[in-house]
């Protein structure tokens, strides 16, 4: 009986945690990052943002692209906090 109570408690706590994580992800909005495109390796793009930080982006078939961007170019990206890119385009200088 005690074991069953522990299992039910863990399941209840896990479900509450998952609901909190899902709610936080739904509340998060895409952020805009502007920076110099350093590398492209498959679907992963790495940029150096205006603060000097390296930012990794994941591009997929849902990512909106104005045109093909190349390393060395200044770009502007709308991205989710988990790194998925919503849109990518050349940034005005």
Protein backbone atom coordinates (compact mmCIF):
# COMPACT_ATOMS: atom_id res chain seq x y z
CA UNK A 1 0.00 0.00 0.00
CA UNK A 2 2.82 2.37 0.87
CA UNK A 3 4.50 1.61 -2.47
CA UNK A 4 1.30 2.42 -4.33
CA UNK A 5 1.04 5.76 -2.51
CA UNK A 6 4.62 6.64 -3.52
CA UNK A 7 3.93 5.74 -7.16
CA UNK A 8 0.72 7.81 -7.22
CA UNK A 9 2.55 10.77 -5.65
CA UNK A 10 5.35 10.59 -8.22
CA UNK A 11 2.88 10.33 -11.11
CA UNK A 12 0.87 13.28 -9.76
CA UNK A 13 3.99 15.43 -9.31
CA UNK A 14 5.28 14.48 -12.77
CA UNK A 15 1.97 15.40 -14.39
CA UNK A 16 2.00 18.80 -12.64
CA UNK A 17 5.55 19.45 -13.78
CA UNK A 18 4.73 18.53 -17.39
CA UNK A 19 1.72 20.87 -17.34
CA UNK A 20 3.96 23.70 -16.09
CA UNK A 21 6.56 23.04 -18.81
CA UNK A 22 3.90 22.92 -21.55
CA UNK A 23 2.30 26.14 -20.29
CA UNK A 24 5.68 27.90 -20.20
CA UNK A 25 6.44 26.82 -23.76
CA UNK A 26 3.06 28.05 -25.00
CA UNK A 27 3.56 31.42 -23.30
CA UNK A 28 7.02 31.86 -24.81
CA UNK A 29 7.15 34.01 -27.92
CA UNK A 30 9.72 33.89 -30.69
CA UNK A 31 12.64 36.25 -30.13
CA UNK A 32 14.56 38.21 -32.73
CA UNK A 33 18.30 37.63 -32.99
CA UNK A 34 20.53 39.61 -35.33
CA UNK A 35 24.08 38.56 -36.04
CA UNK A 36 26.81 37.40 -38.38
CA UNK A 37 26.26 33.93 -39.87
CA UNK A 38 29.40 31.92 -39.11
CA UNK A 39 28.69 28.37 -40.25
CA UNK A 40 26.04 26.14 -41.77
CA UNK A 41 26.23 22.41 -41.05
CA UNK A 42 23.16 20.63 -42.34
CA UNK A 43 20.18 22.13 -40.58
CA UNK A 44 22.25 23.84 -37.86
CA UNK A 45 23.27 27.47 -38.36
CA UNK A 46 25.66 29.23 -35.96
CA UNK A 47 25.63 33.01 -35.66
CA UNK A 48 27.52 35.50 -33.49
CA UNK A 49 24.93 37.94 -32.15
CA UNK A 50 25.45 41.66 -31.52
CA UNK A 51 26.65 40.89 -27.96
CA UNK A 52 29.36 38.48 -29.16
CA UNK A 53 27.51 35.30 -28.08
CA UNK A 54 27.37 32.23 -30.29
CA UNK A 55 23.80 31.21 -31.07
CA UNK A 56 22.88 27.83 -32.59
CA UNK A 57 19.73 27.67 -34.73
CA UNK A 58 17.90 24.69 -36.13
CA UNK A 59 16.43 25.28 -39.58
CA UNK A 60 13.74 22.93 -40.90
CA UNK A 61 11.10 22.77 -43.63
CA UNK A 62 8.83 25.05 -41.58
CA UNK A 63 11.42 27.86 -41.40
CA UNK A 64 10.46 30.80 -43.64
CA UNK A 65 13.38 32.00 -45.77
CA UNK A 66 13.51 35.10 -47.97
CA UNK A 67 16.43 33.64 -49.90
CA UNK A 68 19.54 31.54 -49.39
CA UNK A 69 21.91 33.09 -46.83
CA UNK A 70 25.65 32.42 -46.75
CA UNK A 71 28.35 32.49 -44.05
CA UNK A 72 29.72 35.98 -43.48
CA UNK A 73 26.33 37.58 -44.02
CA UNK A 74 24.49 39.66 -41.41
CA UNK A 75 21.14 37.96 -40.76
CA UNK A 76 18.03 38.43 -38.65
CA UNK A 77 16.29 35.38 -37.22
CA UNK A 78 13.00 34.88 -35.41
CA UNK A 79 13.54 31.87 -33.16
CA UNK A 80 11.89 29.94 -30.34
CA UNK A 81 13.74 29.67 -27.02
CA UNK A 82 14.61 26.04 -27.85
CA UNK A 83 16.61 27.15 -30.93
CA UNK A 84 14.13 26.37 -33.70
CA UNK A 85 14.13 29.11 -36.32
CA UNK A 86 10.75 30.52 -37.38
CA UNK A 87 12.17 32.79 -40.08
CA UNK A 88 15.55 33.84 -41.40
CA UNK A 89 16.47 36.75 -43.63
CA UNK A 90 19.27 39.15 -44.50
CA UNK A 91 19.51 42.00 -42.01
CA UNK A 92 19.84 45.61 -43.08
CA UNK A 93 23.33 46.93 -42.34
